[in-house]
Amino acid sequence: MKNFLILFPFMLIACSDKQKENMEKTTEKETEIYFTRNIDNNTDDSQSIKNTEITTNNNDWKGSYKISTKANSQYDNNETNVLYSITVESDQKAILSIGAEHVEDYWCEGEYHLIKEDNTLHAKGKCDQDDVDDFYLKNENKKYYIRSKRFTNRDWQELKKE
């Protein structure tokens, strides 16, 4: 009677039952099942199961957001209206489009690198000589907020999710 070790790896993906506003987290479970099989009489001698649970954040931020707010113009340093349209493509990348009257006010639009800092995302783009053009995002109580030194109001302002 010879004993053999047979390895069966399985990947199971379990999603939360509550799917509110596409903001649920996905949990992946990687399960390896080891069987020791008695080949002569086809019975299981022993079975051990090893579970390794890996929890990943399914980027709650993915999507598009907008805010219309006041900012200091790069053109003449007067207060002006700007429209920030932000598309978060992943937990590391966002695209910023800026609607403004003067070209100097939307010069810094484009791709931004996202860095997680505590419960906020810090967005750094091509105008990164200082942090004036950076912006910060946070999600609190199912509402999305933005803050930037470019804005006249430097407090957290609510974003509209599209």
Protein backbone atom coordinates (compact mmCIF):
# COMPACT_ATOMS: atom_id res chain seq x y z
CA MET A 1 0.00 0.00 0.00
CA LYS A 2 1.57 3.31 -1.15
CA ASN A 3 0.50 6.76 0.03
CA PHE A 4 0.66 9.73 -2.31
CA LEU A 5 0.28 13.45 -1.66
CA ILE A 6 -1.94 15.22 -4.20
CA LEU A 7 -2.22 19.03 -4.18
CA PHE A 8 -5.39 20.73 -5.47
CA PRO A 9 -5.15 24.56 -5.46
CA PHE A 10 -8.41 26.47 -5.85
CA MET A 11 -9.07 30.22 -6.05
CA LEU A 12 -12.44 31.29 -4.67
CA ILE A 13 -13.71 34.85 -4.93
CA ALA A 14 -16.37 35.90 -2.46
CA CYS A 15 -18.21 39.19 -2.78
CA SER A 16 -20.16 40.92 -0.08
CA ASP A 17 -23.93 40.41 -0.18
CA LYS A 18 -24.51 44.12 0.38
CA GLN A 19 -23.87 45.94 -2.87
CA LYS A 20 -24.71 49.54 -2.09
CA GLU A 21 -23.67 52.13 -4.65
CA ASN A 22 -20.86 49.92 -6.02
CA MET A 23 -18.83 50.64 -2.92
CA GLU A 24 -18.45 47.18 -1.47
CA LYS A 25 -15.09 45.58 -0.96
CA THR A 26 -14.15 42.31 -2.62
CA THR A 27 -12.62 39.54 -0.59
CA GLU A 28 -10.56 36.89 -2.27
CA LYS A 29 -9.97 33.59 -0.57
CA GLU A 30 -7.18 31.37 -1.66
CA THR A 31 -7.75 27.83 -0.53
CA GLU A 32 -5.37 24.93 -0.85
CA ILE A 33 -6.67 21.45 -0.13
CA TYR A 34 -4.24 18.65 0.52
CA PHE A 35 -5.36 15.03 0.22
CA THR A 36 -3.38 11.99 1.21
CA ARG A 37 -4.88 9.24 -0.85
CA ASN A 38 -4.48 5.52 -0.38
CA ILE A 39 -4.21 4.36 -3.98
CA ASP A 40 -4.83 0.65 -3.26
CA ASN A 41 -8.31 0.95 -1.76
CA ASN A 42 -9.32 4.46 -2.96
CA THR A 43 -10.06 5.83 0.50
CA ASP A 44 -9.02 9.09 2.11
CA ASP A 45 -6.49 8.51 4.87
CA SER A 46 -6.38 12.14 5.91
CA GLN A 47 -7.47 15.54 4.74
CA SER A 48 -6.12 18.90 5.85
CA ILE A 49 -7.33 22.26 4.64
CA LYS A 50 -5.21 25.37 4.75
CA ASN A 51 -7.04 28.69 4.19
CA THR A 52 -5.25 31.94 3.48
CA GLU A 53 -7.55 34.93 3.32
CA ILE A 54 -6.41 37.94 1.34
CA THR A 55 -8.56 41.05 1.58
CA THR A 56 -8.17 43.61 -1.16
CA ASN A 57 -9.81 46.97 -1.50
CA ASN A 58 -11.80 47.07 -4.72
CA ASN A 59 -11.07 50.77 -5.11
CA ASP A 60 -14.15 52.52 -3.76
CA TRP A 61 -13.04 55.60 -5.69
CA LYS A 62 -13.32 54.28 -9.24
CA GLY A 63 -15.58 56.62 -11.21
CA SER A 64 -16.10 60.25 -12.17
CA TYR A 65 -16.52 63.28 -9.91
CA LYS A 66 -17.13 66.99 -10.42
CA ILE A 67 -16.98 70.21 -8.47
CA SER A 68 -17.49 73.81 -9.51
CA THR A 69 -15.74 76.16 -7.12
CA LYS A 70 -13.79 79.40 -6.83
CA ALA A 71 -10.02 79.51 -7.31
CA ASN A 72 -7.29 82.09 -7.69
CA SER A 73 -6.56 82.50 -11.38
CA GLN A 74 -3.04 81.77 -12.61
CA TYR A 75 -3.70 84.35 -15.33
CA ASP A 76 -4.32 87.49 -13.23
CA ASN A 77 -4.52 86.22 -9.62
CA ASN A 78 -8.19 87.27 -9.43
CA GLU A 79 -10.88 84.95 -8.13
CA THR A 80 -12.42 82.85 -10.91
CA ASN A 81 -14.77 79.90 -11.36
CA VAL A 82 -13.20 76.54 -12.15
CA LEU A 83 -14.77 73.17 -12.88
CA TYR A 84 -12.77 70.14 -11.77
CA SER A 85 -13.76 66.89 -13.47
CA ILE A 86 -11.87 63.97 -11.99
CA THR A 87 -11.92 60.41 -13.30
CA VAL A 88 -10.36 57.90 -10.93
CA GLU A 89 -9.22 54.97 -13.05
CA SER A 90 -7.50 52.93 -10.31
CA ASP A 91 -6.18 53.26 -6.80
CA GLN A 92 -3.02 54.79 -8.31
CA LYS A 93 -4.23 56.93 -11.24
CA ALA A 94 -6.70 59.76 -11.84
CA ILE A 95 -7.32 62.09 -14.77
CA LEU A 96 -8.09 65.75 -14.03
CA SER A 97 -9.88 67.98 -16.55
CA ILE A 98 -10.25 71.66 -15.64
CA GLY A 99 -12.84 74.01 -17.07
CA ALA A 100 -11.73 77.65 -16.80
CA GLU A 101 -11.77 80.91 -18.73
CA HIS A 102 -8.00 81.25 -19.21
CA VAL A 103 -5.55 78.63 -20.47
CA GLU A 104 -3.23 79.29 -17.53
CA ASP A 105 -5.94 78.00 -15.19
CA TYR A 106 -6.20 74.59 -16.84
CA TRP A 107 -2.53 74.12 -17.61
CA CYS A 108 -2.16 71.46 -14.89
CA GLU A 109 -4.88 69.14 -16.15
CA GLY A 110 -3.92 65.60 -17.06
CA GLU A 111 -2.81 62.44 -15.30
CA TYR A 112 -2.34 62.47 -11.54
CA HIS A 113 -0.62 59.82 -9.43
CA LEU A 114 -2.64 58.84 -6.34
CA ILE A 115 -0.92 58.16 -3.03
CA LYS A 116 -2.84 56.74 -0.07
CA GLU A 117 -2.25 58.75 3.10
CA ASP A 118 -4.32 57.52 6.05
CA ASN A 119 -7.95 57.83 4.89
CA THR A 120 -7.22 60.25 2.02
CA LEU A 121 -5.83 60.06 -1.50
CA HIS A 122 -3.12 62.60 -2.36
CA ALA A 123 -3.09 63.42 -6.09
CA LYS A 124 0.18 64.66 -7.63
CA GLY A 125 0.37 65.76 -11.27
CA LYS A 126 2.65 67.36 -13.84
CA CYS A 127 2.58 70.74 -12.05
CA ASP A 128 4.33 69.34 -9.03
CA GLN A 129 6.96 72.03 -8.41
CA ASP A 130 5.03 72.67 -5.19
CA ASP A 131 1.85 71.24 -3.71
CA VAL A 132 -0.44 74.13 -4.75
CA ASP A 133 -1.83 72.17 -7.70
CA ASP A 134 -2.08 68.88 -5.80
CA PHE A 135 -5.48 67.87 -4.55
CA TYR A 136 -6.70 65.55 -1.84
CA LEU A 137 -9.72 63.25 -1.87
CA LYS A 138 -11.55 61.59 0.97
CA ASN A 139 -14.66 59.48 1.43
CA GLU A 140 -16.61 60.03 4.63
CA ASN A 141 -20.09 58.71 5.42
CA LYS A 142 -20.62 57.72 1.76
CA LYS A 143 -19.85 61.27 0.59
CA TYR A 144 -16.83 62.29 -1.44
CA TYR A 145 -14.74 65.38 -0.71
CA ILE A 146 -11.88 67.35 -2.28
CA ARG A 147 -9.42 69.89 -0.94
CA SER A 148 -6.76 71.90 -2.78
CA LYS A 149 -4.57 74.91 -2.13
CA ARG A 150 -5.62 76.13 -5.58
CA PHE A 151 -9.19 76.69 -4.32
CA THR A 152 -10.22 79.89 -2.54
CA ASN A 153 -12.01 77.79 0.08
CA ARG A 154 -9.32 75.43 1.39
CA ASP A 155 -11.70 73.37 3.53
CA TRP A 156 -13.06 69.99 2.42
CA GLN A 157 -15.70 70.54 -0.29
CA GLU A 158 -18.20 67.94 -1.42
CA LEU A 159 -17.75 66.35 -4.83
CA LYS A 160 -20.63 65.25 -7.03
CA LYS A 161 -20.24 61.61 -8.08
CA GLU A 162 -21.48 60.90 -11.58
